[in-house]
């Protein structure tokens, strides 16, 4: 009798641990069923210059902005921004994750990579959560490569709120990270979001 009681006591932590793992997996899977939209962008700077100054392609002129010129000479053109991502949960289950890896691509080229270490939770039945994602990258390659230069200039114009600009096609890939008994394991595959970014994104319209 005592041996059976001891075995039960020892098994309880394992049962709770397994329940916690199953809960994480379930919530992460539900996150894959959510809808994602880039709602707005703010605090966008190219080589320290507020992108709102780049209303036309010719405005992205190193001769006018010494820090941009210096960045091109040193092959280091920092692009900093915050994108606000709306997540809507249409299911009847709670969606959530504690950590995630993200990648953002423009014209098939990787623009940003990052890691978000915070609890993200989206209530069921149409619940919505806005997640601010910080983006920091060296845009030199995108700025100078003929394959991406036009697409990058167009993205900067859209982020600046410039009029008469074609939408930019961005791809966001999200990979949740699960904590399985102290071991960090990536969720299999990416959640992929393809979206046209328009010139109204800076205003959140």
N, C-alpha and C. Protein backbone atom coordinates (compact mmCIF):
# COMPACT_ATOMS: atom_id res chain seq x y z
N UNK A 1 0.83 -1.21 0.00
CA UNK A 1 0.00 0.00 0.00
C UNK A 1 0.86 1.25 0.00
N UNK A 2 1.89 1.22 0.88
CA UNK A 2 2.77 2.38 0.96
C UNK A 2 3.54 2.57 -0.34
N UNK A 3 3.99 1.42 -0.92
CA UNK A 3 4.73 1.51 -2.18
C UNK A 3 3.87 2.13 -3.27
N UNK A 4 2.59 1.74 -3.30
CA UNK A 4 1.68 2.30 -4.29
C UNK A 4 1.47 3.79 -4.10
N UNK A 5 1.39 4.23 -2.84
CA UNK A 5 1.21 5.65 -2.54
C UNK A 5 2.43 6.44 -2.94
N UNK A 6 3.63 5.88 -2.65
CA UNK A 6 4.88 6.56 -3.03
C UNK A 6 4.97 6.70 -4.55
N UNK A 7 4.62 5.64 -5.25
CA UNK A 7 4.66 5.68 -6.72
C UNK A 7 3.71 6.73 -7.26
N UNK A 8 2.53 6.84 -6.63
CA UNK A 8 1.55 7.84 -7.07
C UNK A 8 2.08 9.25 -6.84
N UNK A 9 2.68 9.48 -5.67
CA UNK A 9 3.23 10.81 -5.34
C UNK A 9 4.34 11.18 -6.32
N UNK A 10 5.18 10.19 -6.64
CA UNK A 10 6.28 10.46 -7.58
C UNK A 10 5.76 10.71 -9.00
N UNK A 11 4.62 10.10 -9.32
CA UNK A 11 4.08 10.24 -10.68
C UNK A 11 3.37 11.57 -10.90
N UNK A 12 2.90 12.19 -9.82
CA UNK A 12 2.13 13.44 -9.95
C UNK A 12 2.90 14.53 -10.69
N UNK A 13 4.18 14.83 -10.32
CA UNK A 13 4.91 15.87 -11.07
C UNK A 13 5.04 15.55 -12.56
N UNK A 14 5.22 14.24 -12.87
CA UNK A 14 5.35 13.86 -14.28
C UNK A 14 4.04 14.09 -15.02
N UNK A 15 2.92 13.80 -14.34
CA UNK A 15 1.61 14.01 -14.97
C UNK A 15 1.38 15.49 -15.24
N UNK A 16 1.72 16.33 -14.24
CA UNK A 16 1.55 17.78 -14.44
C UNK A 16 2.46 18.29 -15.54
N UNK A 17 3.70 17.75 -15.59
CA UNK A 17 4.64 18.16 -16.63
C UNK A 17 4.12 17.80 -18.01
N UNK A 18 3.58 16.56 -18.15
CA UNK A 18 3.04 16.12 -19.44
C UNK A 18 1.84 16.95 -19.84
N UNK A 19 0.99 17.29 -18.84
CA UNK A 19 -0.18 18.13 -19.11
C UNK A 19 0.26 19.50 -19.61
N UNK A 20 1.34 20.04 -18.99
CA UNK A 20 1.85 21.35 -19.40
C UNK A 20 2.39 21.32 -20.82
N UNK A 21 3.08 20.23 -21.18
CA UNK A 21 3.61 20.08 -22.54
C UNK A 21 2.47 19.99 -23.54
N UNK A 22 1.46 19.16 -23.25
CA UNK A 22 0.33 19.01 -24.15
C UNK A 22 -0.42 20.33 -24.33
N UNK A 23 -0.51 21.10 -23.25
CA UNK A 23 -1.19 22.39 -23.31
C UNK A 23 -0.44 23.35 -24.24
N UNK A 24 0.91 23.37 -24.10
CA UNK A 24 1.73 24.22 -24.97
C UNK A 24 1.55 23.86 -26.44
N UNK A 25 1.58 22.54 -26.71
CA UNK A 25 1.46 22.08 -28.10
C UNK A 25 0.10 22.46 -28.67
N UNK A 26 -0.95 22.27 -27.87
CA UNK A 26 -2.30 22.60 -28.32
C UNK A 26 -2.44 24.09 -28.62
N UNK A 27 -1.92 24.94 -27.73
CA UNK A 27 -2.03 26.38 -27.93
C UNK A 27 -1.19 26.84 -29.12
N UNK A 28 -0.01 26.22 -29.31
CA UNK A 28 0.83 26.57 -30.45
C UNK A 28 0.17 26.17 -31.76
N UNK A 29 -0.48 24.99 -31.78
CA UNK A 29 -1.19 24.56 -32.99
C UNK A 29 -2.33 25.52 -33.32
N UNK A 30 -3.03 25.96 -32.29
CA UNK A 30 -4.12 26.92 -32.51
C UNK A 30 -3.60 28.23 -33.05
N UNK A 31 -2.39 28.62 -32.62
CA UNK A 31 -1.77 29.84 -33.14
C UNK A 31 -1.60 29.75 -34.65
N UNK A 32 -1.34 28.53 -35.14
CA UNK A 32 -1.21 28.33 -36.58
C UNK A 32 -2.51 28.50 -37.33
N UNK A 33 -3.64 28.41 -36.62
CA UNK A 33 -4.96 28.57 -37.24
C UNK A 33 -5.47 30.01 -37.16
N UNK A 34 -4.69 30.89 -36.55
CA UNK A 34 -5.10 32.29 -36.40
C UNK A 34 -4.87 33.06 -37.69
N UNK A 35 -5.47 34.25 -37.78
CA UNK A 35 -5.29 35.15 -38.93
C UNK A 35 -4.34 36.28 -38.53
N UNK A 36 -3.43 36.62 -39.43
CA UNK A 36 -2.40 37.61 -39.14
C UNK A 36 -2.48 38.77 -40.12
N UNK A 37 -2.34 39.99 -39.60
CA UNK A 37 -2.37 41.18 -40.44
C UNK A 37 -1.36 42.20 -39.89
N UNK A 38 -0.57 42.77 -40.79
CA UNK A 38 0.28 43.89 -40.39
C UNK A 38 -0.62 45.11 -40.27
N UNK A 39 -0.86 45.55 -39.04
CA UNK A 39 -1.82 46.62 -38.79
C UNK A 39 -1.22 48.00 -39.00
N UNK A 40 0.03 48.19 -38.57
CA UNK A 40 0.66 49.51 -38.69
C UNK A 40 2.16 49.36 -38.47
N UNK A 41 2.87 50.44 -38.74
CA UNK A 41 4.31 50.49 -38.50
C UNK A 41 4.65 51.87 -37.95
N UNK A 42 5.62 51.91 -37.07
CA UNK A 42 6.05 53.22 -36.54
C UNK A 42 7.52 53.16 -36.17
N UNK A 43 8.06 54.31 -35.83
CA UNK A 43 9.47 54.42 -35.45
C UNK A 43 10.37 53.79 -36.52
N UNK A 44 10.14 54.17 -37.78
CA UNK A 44 10.89 53.58 -38.90
C UNK A 44 12.02 54.53 -39.31
N UNK A 45 13.25 54.04 -39.21
CA UNK A 45 14.42 54.87 -39.52
C UNK A 45 15.37 54.11 -40.44
N UNK A 46 15.86 54.80 -41.45
CA UNK A 46 16.87 54.27 -42.36
C UNK A 46 18.14 55.09 -42.17
N UNK A 47 19.20 54.43 -41.69
CA UNK A 47 20.46 55.12 -41.38
C UNK A 47 20.22 56.32 -40.48
N UNK A 48 19.32 56.15 -39.52
CA UNK A 48 19.04 57.21 -38.57
C UNK A 48 18.12 58.30 -39.07
N UNK A 49 17.62 58.17 -40.30
CA UNK A 49 16.75 59.19 -40.90
C UNK A 49 15.31 58.67 -40.85
N UNK A 50 14.40 59.49 -40.36
CA UNK A 50 12.98 59.13 -40.31
C UNK A 50 12.48 58.92 -41.75
N UNK A 51 11.91 57.75 -42.05
CA UNK A 51 11.51 57.44 -43.43
C UNK A 51 10.41 58.36 -43.94
N UNK A 52 9.75 59.08 -43.05
CA UNK A 52 8.72 60.02 -43.51
C UNK A 52 9.30 61.12 -44.38
N UNK A 53 10.62 61.25 -44.38
CA UNK A 53 11.27 62.24 -45.24
C UNK A 53 11.44 61.72 -46.67
N UNK A 54 11.20 60.43 -46.89
CA UNK A 54 11.41 59.84 -48.22
C UNK A 54 10.07 59.68 -48.93
N UNK A 55 9.48 60.77 -49.35
CA UNK A 55 8.17 60.72 -50.00
C UNK A 55 8.28 60.31 -51.47
N UNK A 56 9.46 60.49 -52.09
CA UNK A 56 9.68 60.10 -53.48
C UNK A 56 10.98 59.32 -53.55
N UNK A 57 11.13 58.51 -54.60
CA UNK A 57 12.34 57.71 -54.74
C UNK A 57 13.60 58.59 -54.76
N UNK A 58 13.49 59.74 -55.43
CA UNK A 58 14.66 60.61 -55.51
C UNK A 58 15.03 61.22 -54.16
N UNK A 59 14.11 61.14 -53.19
CA UNK A 59 14.43 61.64 -51.85
C UNK A 59 15.44 60.75 -51.14
N UNK A 60 15.49 59.46 -51.54
CA UNK A 60 16.45 58.54 -50.92
C UNK A 60 17.82 58.79 -51.57
N UNK A 61 18.35 59.95 -51.28
CA UNK A 61 19.55 60.46 -51.94
C UNK A 61 20.66 60.64 -50.92
N UNK A 62 21.74 59.85 -51.02
CA UNK A 62 22.84 59.97 -50.06
C UNK A 62 23.43 61.39 -49.99
N UNK A 63 23.34 62.13 -51.09
CA UNK A 63 23.89 63.49 -51.09
C UNK A 63 23.15 64.40 -50.10
N UNK A 64 21.89 64.08 -49.83
CA UNK A 64 21.09 64.90 -48.91
C UNK A 64 21.23 64.46 -47.46
N UNK A 65 21.65 63.20 -47.28
CA UNK A 65 21.70 62.65 -45.92
C UNK A 65 23.08 62.04 -45.66
N UNK A 66 23.95 62.78 -44.98
CA UNK A 66 25.33 62.33 -44.73
C UNK A 66 25.41 60.96 -44.06
N UNK A 67 24.48 60.66 -43.14
CA UNK A 67 24.56 59.38 -42.44
C UNK A 67 24.23 58.22 -43.38
N UNK A 68 23.35 58.47 -44.34
CA UNK A 68 23.04 57.46 -45.34
C UNK A 68 24.25 57.25 -46.25
N UNK A 69 24.91 58.33 -46.64
CA UNK A 69 26.12 58.24 -47.47
C UNK A 69 27.22 57.47 -46.74
N UNK A 70 27.40 57.79 -45.45
CA UNK A 70 28.42 57.09 -44.66
C UNK A 70 28.10 55.61 -44.55
N UNK A 71 26.80 55.28 -44.41
CA UNK A 71 26.40 53.89 -44.32
C UNK A 71 26.69 53.12 -45.60
N UNK A 72 26.48 53.76 -46.73
CA UNK A 72 26.77 53.11 -48.01
C UNK A 72 28.27 52.89 -48.19
N UNK A 73 29.06 53.85 -47.73
CA UNK A 73 30.53 53.71 -47.83
C UNK A 73 31.04 52.58 -46.95
N UNK A 74 30.45 52.42 -45.78
CA UNK A 74 30.90 51.39 -44.84
C UNK A 74 30.11 50.08 -44.99
N UNK A 75 29.17 50.07 -45.93
CA UNK A 75 28.31 48.91 -46.17
C UNK A 75 27.49 48.54 -44.93
N UNK A 76 27.08 49.56 -44.22
CA UNK A 76 26.24 49.34 -43.04
C UNK A 76 25.14 50.40 -43.02
N UNK A 77 23.97 50.01 -43.52
CA UNK A 77 22.82 50.93 -43.59
C UNK A 77 21.74 50.37 -42.66
N UNK A 78 21.74 50.79 -41.40
CA UNK A 78 20.77 50.23 -40.46
C UNK A 78 19.34 50.64 -40.76
N UNK A 79 18.45 49.66 -40.73
CA UNK A 79 17.02 49.90 -40.87
C UNK A 79 16.36 49.45 -39.57
N UNK A 80 15.69 50.37 -38.90
CA UNK A 80 15.05 50.09 -37.62
C UNK A 80 13.57 50.43 -37.73
N UNK A 81 12.73 49.56 -37.21
CA UNK A 81 11.29 49.80 -37.28
C UNK A 81 10.56 48.99 -36.23
N UNK A 82 9.33 49.36 -36.00
CA UNK A 82 8.43 48.53 -35.20
C UNK A 82 7.18 48.28 -36.02
N UNK A 83 6.88 47.00 -36.23
CA UNK A 83 5.67 46.61 -36.95
C UNK A 83 4.69 46.02 -35.95
N UNK A 84 3.46 46.49 -36.02
CA UNK A 84 2.42 46.00 -35.12
C UNK A 84 1.58 44.96 -35.86
N UNK A 85 1.64 43.73 -35.34
CA UNK A 85 1.01 42.59 -35.98
C UNK A 85 -0.26 42.21 -35.24
N UNK A 86 -1.40 42.28 -35.94
CA UNK A 86 -2.68 41.86 -35.36
C UNK A 86 -2.86 40.36 -35.55
N UNK A 87 -3.21 39.67 -34.46
CA UNK A 87 -3.49 38.23 -34.52
C UNK A 87 -4.93 38.01 -34.07
N UNK A 88 -5.75 37.41 -34.92
CA UNK A 88 -7.16 37.14 -34.60
C UNK A 88 -7.35 35.63 -34.54
N UNK A 89 -8.00 35.17 -33.48
CA UNK A 89 -8.22 33.74 -33.26
C UNK A 89 -9.69 33.38 -33.55
N UNK A 90 -9.97 32.78 -34.71
CA UNK A 90 -11.36 32.44 -35.06
C UNK A 90 -11.82 31.11 -34.47
N UNK A 91 -10.93 30.38 -33.81
CA UNK A 91 -11.27 29.05 -33.31
C UNK A 91 -11.93 29.13 -31.93
N UNK A 92 -12.30 27.97 -31.40
CA UNK A 92 -12.90 27.92 -30.06
C UNK A 92 -11.89 27.48 -29.01
N UNK A 93 -10.60 27.56 -29.36
CA UNK A 93 -9.53 27.18 -28.43
C UNK A 93 -8.59 28.37 -28.17
N UNK A 94 -7.98 28.39 -27.01
CA UNK A 94 -7.01 29.43 -26.69
C UNK A 94 -5.75 29.23 -27.52
N UNK A 95 -5.23 30.31 -28.10
CA UNK A 95 -3.96 30.28 -28.83
C UNK A 95 -2.91 30.99 -27.99
N UNK A 96 -1.73 30.42 -27.90
CA UNK A 96 -0.71 31.09 -27.10
C UNK A 96 0.66 30.47 -27.28
N UNK A 97 1.66 31.26 -26.93
CA UNK A 97 3.05 30.82 -26.98
C UNK A 97 3.87 31.77 -26.12
N UNK A 98 4.98 31.28 -25.59
CA UNK A 98 5.84 32.12 -24.75
C UNK A 98 7.00 32.73 -25.52
N UNK A 99 7.42 32.07 -26.59
CA UNK A 99 8.55 32.55 -27.38
C UNK A 99 8.31 32.22 -28.85
N UNK A 100 8.86 33.03 -29.73
CA UNK A 100 8.79 32.69 -31.15
C UNK A 100 9.93 33.33 -31.93
N UNK A 101 10.30 32.66 -33.00
CA UNK A 101 11.29 33.16 -33.96
C UNK A 101 10.54 33.71 -35.15
N UNK A 102 11.01 34.81 -35.73
CA UNK A 102 10.34 35.34 -36.91
C UNK A 102 11.35 35.75 -37.98
N UNK A 103 10.91 35.66 -39.22
CA UNK A 103 11.70 36.07 -40.39
C UNK A 103 10.78 36.88 -41.30
N UNK A 104 11.32 37.96 -41.85
CA UNK A 104 10.54 38.80 -42.78
C UNK A 104 11.32 38.89 -44.09
N UNK A 105 10.62 38.60 -45.19
CA UNK A 105 11.26 38.58 -46.50
C UNK A 105 10.63 39.62 -47.41
N UNK A 106 11.45 40.20 -48.26
CA UNK A 106 11.02 41.15 -49.29
C UNK A 106 11.60 40.69 -50.61
N UNK A 107 10.74 40.52 -51.60
CA UNK A 107 11.18 40.07 -52.94
C UNK A 107 11.99 38.78 -52.83
N UNK A 108 11.58 37.91 -51.91
CA UNK A 108 12.26 36.62 -51.75
C UNK A 108 13.56 36.68 -50.99
N UNK A 109 13.99 37.89 -50.59
CA UNK A 109 15.23 38.06 -49.85
C UNK A 109 14.93 38.33 -48.38
N UNK A 110 15.70 37.71 -47.50
CA UNK A 110 15.48 37.90 -46.07
C UNK A 110 15.82 39.32 -45.66
N UNK A 111 14.85 39.98 -45.04
CA UNK A 111 15.02 41.37 -44.63
C UNK A 111 15.34 41.48 -43.15
N UNK A 112 14.62 40.72 -42.32
CA UNK A 112 14.82 40.75 -40.89
C UNK A 112 14.73 39.34 -40.33
N UNK A 113 15.44 39.11 -39.25
CA UNK A 113 15.21 37.93 -38.42
C UNK A 113 15.19 38.41 -36.98
N UNK A 114 14.47 37.70 -36.15
CA UNK A 114 14.42 38.10 -34.75
C UNK A 114 13.81 37.03 -33.88
N UNK A 115 13.81 37.31 -32.56
CA UNK A 115 13.29 36.37 -31.58
C UNK A 115 12.49 37.15 -30.56
N UNK A 116 11.25 36.76 -30.35
CA UNK A 116 10.37 37.45 -29.42
C UNK A 116 10.20 36.59 -28.18
N UNK A 117 10.63 37.13 -27.04
CA UNK A 117 10.59 36.38 -25.79
C UNK A 117 9.55 37.00 -24.86
N UNK A 118 8.29 36.74 -25.15
CA UNK A 118 7.20 37.25 -24.33
C UNK A 118 5.96 36.39 -24.55
N UNK A 119 5.08 36.39 -23.57
CA UNK A 119 3.86 35.60 -23.68
C UNK A 119 2.90 36.26 -24.66
N UNK A 120 2.47 35.47 -25.65
CA UNK A 120 1.46 35.93 -26.60
C UNK A 120 0.24 35.03 -26.43
N UNK A 121 -0.89 35.62 -26.17
CA UNK A 121 -2.11 34.85 -25.91
C UNK A 121 -3.27 35.49 -26.67
N UNK A 122 -4.04 34.67 -27.40
CA UNK A 122 -5.17 35.17 -28.16
C UNK A 122 -6.40 34.37 -27.76
N UNK A 123 -7.38 35.05 -27.22
CA UNK A 123 -8.58 34.39 -26.73
C UNK A 123 -9.39 33.80 -27.89
N UNK A 124 -10.12 32.71 -27.62
CA UNK A 124 -10.93 32.09 -28.69
C UNK A 124 -12.15 32.94 -29.07
N UNK A 125 -12.81 32.51 -30.14
CA UNK A 125 -14.05 33.16 -30.55
C UNK A 125 -13.87 34.56 -31.13
N UNK A 126 -12.79 34.77 -31.89
CA UNK A 126 -12.57 36.07 -32.51
C UNK A 126 -11.73 37.03 -31.69
N UNK A 127 -11.10 36.54 -30.62
CA UNK A 127 -10.22 37.40 -29.82
C UNK A 127 -9.06 37.95 -30.65
N UNK A 128 -8.61 39.15 -30.31
CA UNK A 128 -7.54 39.79 -31.08
C UNK A 128 -6.44 40.29 -30.14
N UNK A 129 -5.21 40.10 -30.55
CA UNK A 129 -4.05 40.60 -29.82
C UNK A 129 -3.13 41.31 -30.80
N UNK A 130 -2.60 42.45 -30.41
CA UNK A 130 -1.63 43.17 -31.23
C UNK A 130 -0.24 42.96 -30.64
N UNK A 131 0.66 42.47 -31.47
CA UNK A 131 2.02 42.16 -31.02
C UNK A 131 3.00 43.12 -31.71
N UNK A 132 3.70 43.97 -30.95
CA UNK A 132 4.72 44.83 -31.55
C UNK A 132 6.00 44.04 -31.80
N UNK A 133 6.49 44.09 -33.02
CA UNK A 133 7.70 43.35 -33.40
C UNK A 133 8.78 44.35 -33.79
N UNK A 134 9.89 44.32 -33.07
CA UNK A 134 11.00 45.21 -33.39
C UNK A 134 11.83 44.62 -34.52
N UNK A 135 12.20 45.46 -35.48
CA UNK A 135 12.98 45.03 -36.63
C UNK A 135 14.27 45.84 -36.70
N UNK A 136 15.37 45.13 -36.79
CA UNK A 136 16.68 45.78 -36.91
C UNK A 136 17.50 44.98 -37.92
N UNK A 137 17.99 45.66 -38.94
CA UNK A 137 18.75 44.95 -39.97
C UNK A 137 19.69 45.91 -40.68
N UNK A 138 20.68 45.31 -41.35
CA UNK A 138 21.55 46.06 -42.24
C UNK A 138 20.95 45.97 -43.64
N UNK A 139 20.47 47.10 -44.15
CA UNK A 139 19.76 47.11 -45.43
C UNK A 139 20.70 47.37 -46.62
N UNK A 140 22.01 47.32 -46.40
CA UNK A 140 22.95 47.65 -47.48
C UNK A 140 22.72 46.78 -48.72
N UNK A 141 22.61 45.46 -48.51
CA UNK A 141 22.46 44.55 -49.64
C UNK A 141 21.17 44.83 -50.40
N UNK A 142 20.09 45.03 -49.67
CA UNK A 142 18.80 45.32 -50.31
C UNK A 142 18.85 46.65 -51.05
N UNK A 143 19.61 47.59 -50.51
CA UNK A 143 19.69 48.94 -51.05
C UNK A 143 20.50 48.97 -52.34
N UNK A 144 21.48 48.06 -52.48
CA UNK A 144 22.42 48.14 -53.60
C UNK A 144 22.25 47.03 -54.64
N UNK A 145 21.63 45.92 -54.27
CA UNK A 145 21.46 44.79 -55.19
C UNK A 145 20.37 45.12 -56.22
N UNK A 146 20.68 45.06 -57.52
CA UNK A 146 19.67 45.36 -58.55
C UNK A 146 18.41 44.50 -58.43
N UNK A 147 18.55 43.28 -57.86
CA UNK A 147 17.40 42.38 -57.74
C UNK A 147 16.40 42.87 -56.69
N UNK A 148 16.87 43.64 -55.73
CA UNK A 148 15.99 44.04 -54.62
C UNK A 148 15.87 45.55 -54.46
N UNK A 149 16.72 46.31 -55.18
CA UNK A 149 16.78 47.76 -54.96
C UNK A 149 15.43 48.44 -55.19
N UNK A 150 14.74 48.11 -56.29
CA UNK A 150 13.45 48.76 -56.58
C UNK A 150 12.40 48.38 -55.53
N UNK A 151 12.37 47.08 -55.18
CA UNK A 151 11.39 46.62 -54.19
C UNK A 151 11.66 47.26 -52.83
N UNK A 152 12.93 47.44 -52.48
CA UNK A 152 13.26 48.05 -51.20
C UNK A 152 12.89 49.53 -51.19
N UNK A 153 13.21 50.23 -52.30
CA UNK A 153 12.83 51.65 -52.40
C UNK A 153 11.33 51.83 -52.30
N UNK A 154 10.58 50.92 -52.92
CA UNK A 154 9.12 50.97 -52.87
C UNK A 154 8.62 50.73 -51.45
N UNK A 155 9.26 49.78 -50.72
CA UNK A 155 8.88 49.51 -49.33
C UNK A 155 9.11 50.74 -48.46
N UNK A 156 10.25 51.39 -48.64
CA UNK A 156 10.55 52.60 -47.85
C UNK A 156 9.51 53.67 -48.13
N UNK A 157 9.11 53.81 -49.39
CA UNK A 157 8.08 54.80 -49.73
C UNK A 157 6.75 54.46 -49.06
N UNK A 158 6.39 53.18 -49.08
CA UNK A 158 5.14 52.78 -48.42
C UNK A 158 5.20 53.04 -46.92
N UNK A 159 6.34 52.74 -46.32
CA UNK A 159 6.49 52.99 -44.89
C UNK A 159 6.49 54.48 -44.57
N UNK A 160 6.86 55.30 -45.55
CA UNK A 160 6.87 56.75 -45.34
C UNK A 160 5.48 57.37 -45.49
N UNK A 161 4.55 56.59 -46.08
CA UNK A 161 3.21 57.11 -46.32
C UNK A 161 3.11 57.87 -47.63
N UNK A 162 4.08 57.68 -48.53
CA UNK A 162 4.07 58.39 -49.81
C UNK A 162 2.85 58.01 -50.64
N UNK A 163 2.33 58.98 -51.39
CA UNK A 163 1.17 58.74 -52.25
C UNK A 163 1.61 58.10 -53.57
N UNK A 164 0.64 57.49 -54.27
CA UNK A 164 0.86 56.92 -55.61
C UNK A 164 2.00 55.89 -55.62
N UNK A 165 2.01 55.03 -54.63
CA UNK A 165 3.04 53.99 -54.54
C UNK A 165 2.38 52.62 -54.59
N UNK A 166 2.96 51.73 -55.38
CA UNK A 166 2.43 50.37 -55.47
C UNK A 166 2.68 49.63 -54.16
N UNK A 167 1.75 48.75 -53.75
CA UNK A 167 1.95 47.99 -52.51
C UNK A 167 3.22 47.14 -52.58
N UNK A 168 3.83 46.95 -51.42
CA UNK A 168 5.00 46.08 -51.30
C UNK A 168 4.57 44.72 -50.77
N UNK A 169 5.09 43.68 -51.36
CA UNK A 169 4.73 42.33 -50.94
C UNK A 169 5.74 41.83 -49.90
N UNK A 170 5.26 41.66 -48.67
CA UNK A 170 6.10 41.14 -47.60
C UNK A 170 5.66 39.73 -47.23
N UNK A 171 6.63 38.91 -46.86
CA UNK A 171 6.35 37.58 -46.33
C UNK A 171 6.89 37.51 -44.92
N UNK A 172 6.02 37.12 -43.98
CA UNK A 172 6.43 36.95 -42.59
C UNK A 172 6.33 35.47 -42.24
N UNK A 173 7.39 34.92 -41.69
CA UNK A 173 7.40 33.53 -41.26
C UNK A 173 7.62 33.48 -39.75
N UNK A 174 6.71 32.82 -39.05
CA UNK A 174 6.75 32.73 -37.60
C UNK A 174 6.91 31.27 -37.19
N UNK A 175 7.83 31.02 -36.27
CA UNK A 175 8.02 29.67 -35.75
C UNK A 175 7.96 29.72 -34.22
N UNK A 176 6.87 29.22 -33.61
CA UNK A 176 6.79 29.17 -32.14
C UNK A 176 7.86 28.26 -31.55
N UNK A 177 8.29 28.59 -30.34
CA UNK A 177 9.25 27.78 -29.60
C UNK A 177 8.58 27.21 -28.37
N UNK A 178 8.68 25.90 -28.18
CA UNK A 178 8.04 25.22 -27.05
C UNK A 178 9.08 24.91 -25.98
N UNK A 179 8.68 25.00 -24.73
CA UNK A 179 9.54 24.65 -23.61
C UNK A 179 9.12 23.27 -23.12
N UNK A 180 9.87 22.25 -23.53
CA UNK A 180 9.53 20.87 -23.18
C UNK A 180 10.45 20.39 -22.07
N UNK A 181 10.02 20.60 -20.85
CA UNK A 181 10.82 20.16 -19.70
C UNK A 181 12.16 20.85 -19.61
N UNK A 182 12.17 22.16 -19.88
CA UNK A 182 13.42 22.91 -19.81
C UNK A 182 14.20 22.92 -21.10
N UNK A 183 13.78 22.16 -22.10
CA UNK A 183 14.45 22.10 -23.40
C UNK A 183 13.64 22.89 -24.41
N UNK A 184 14.29 23.84 -25.10
CA UNK A 184 13.61 24.66 -26.10
C UNK A 184 13.54 23.91 -27.43
N UNK A 185 12.33 23.72 -27.92
CA UNK A 185 12.11 22.97 -29.17
C UNK A 185 11.28 23.82 -30.11
N UNK A 186 11.73 23.97 -31.36
CA UNK A 186 10.97 24.74 -32.34
C UNK A 186 9.77 23.95 -32.83
N UNK A 187 8.65 24.63 -32.97
CA UNK A 187 7.44 24.04 -33.53
C UNK A 187 7.73 23.67 -34.99
N UNK A 188 7.32 22.48 -35.44
CA UNK A 188 7.66 22.06 -36.81
C UNK A 188 7.04 22.97 -37.86
N UNK A 189 7.88 23.46 -38.77
CA UNK A 189 7.40 24.32 -39.84
C UNK A 189 7.16 25.74 -39.40
N UNK A 190 6.91 26.60 -40.38
CA UNK A 190 6.65 28.02 -40.14
C UNK A 190 5.18 28.35 -40.39
N UNK A 191 4.68 29.32 -39.65
CA UNK A 191 3.41 29.95 -39.98
C UNK A 191 3.75 31.06 -40.96
N UNK A 192 3.23 31.01 -42.18
CA UNK A 192 3.61 31.96 -43.22
C UNK A 192 2.49 32.94 -43.51
N UNK A 193 2.83 34.23 -43.50
CA UNK A 193 1.87 35.30 -43.77
C UNK A 193 2.39 36.09 -44.97
N UNK A 194 1.59 36.17 -46.03
CA UNK A 194 1.91 37.00 -47.18
C UNK A 194 0.96 38.20 -47.19
N UNK A 195 1.53 39.40 -47.27
CA UNK A 195 0.67 40.59 -47.21
C UNK A 195 1.22 41.71 -48.08
N UNK A 196 0.29 42.43 -48.71
CA UNK A 196 0.65 43.64 -49.43
C UNK A 196 0.67 44.80 -48.43
N UNK A 197 1.80 45.47 -48.33
CA UNK A 197 1.95 46.63 -47.44
C UNK A 197 1.73 47.89 -48.26
N UNK A 198 0.72 48.66 -47.87
CA UNK A 198 0.37 49.87 -48.62
C UNK A 198 0.95 51.11 -47.96
N UNK A 199 0.77 52.26 -48.62
CA UNK A 199 1.31 53.51 -48.11
C UNK A 199 0.53 54.04 -46.90
N UNK A 200 -0.52 53.34 -46.49
CA UNK A 200 -1.30 53.77 -45.33
C UNK A 200 -0.90 53.04 -44.06
N UNK A 201 0.08 52.14 -44.17
CA UNK A 201 0.43 51.31 -43.01
C UNK A 201 0.98 52.14 -41.86
N UNK A 202 1.71 53.22 -42.17
CA UNK A 202 2.30 54.04 -41.12
C UNK A 202 1.22 54.65 -40.24
N UNK A 203 0.04 54.87 -40.81
CA UNK A 203 -1.06 55.47 -40.08
C UNK A 203 -1.99 54.41 -39.51
N UNK A 204 -1.73 53.14 -39.81
CA UNK A 204 -2.57 52.07 -39.30
C UNK A 204 -3.95 52.02 -39.93
N UNK A 205 -4.05 52.38 -41.19
CA UNK A 205 -5.37 52.39 -41.87
C UNK A 205 -5.55 51.14 -42.73
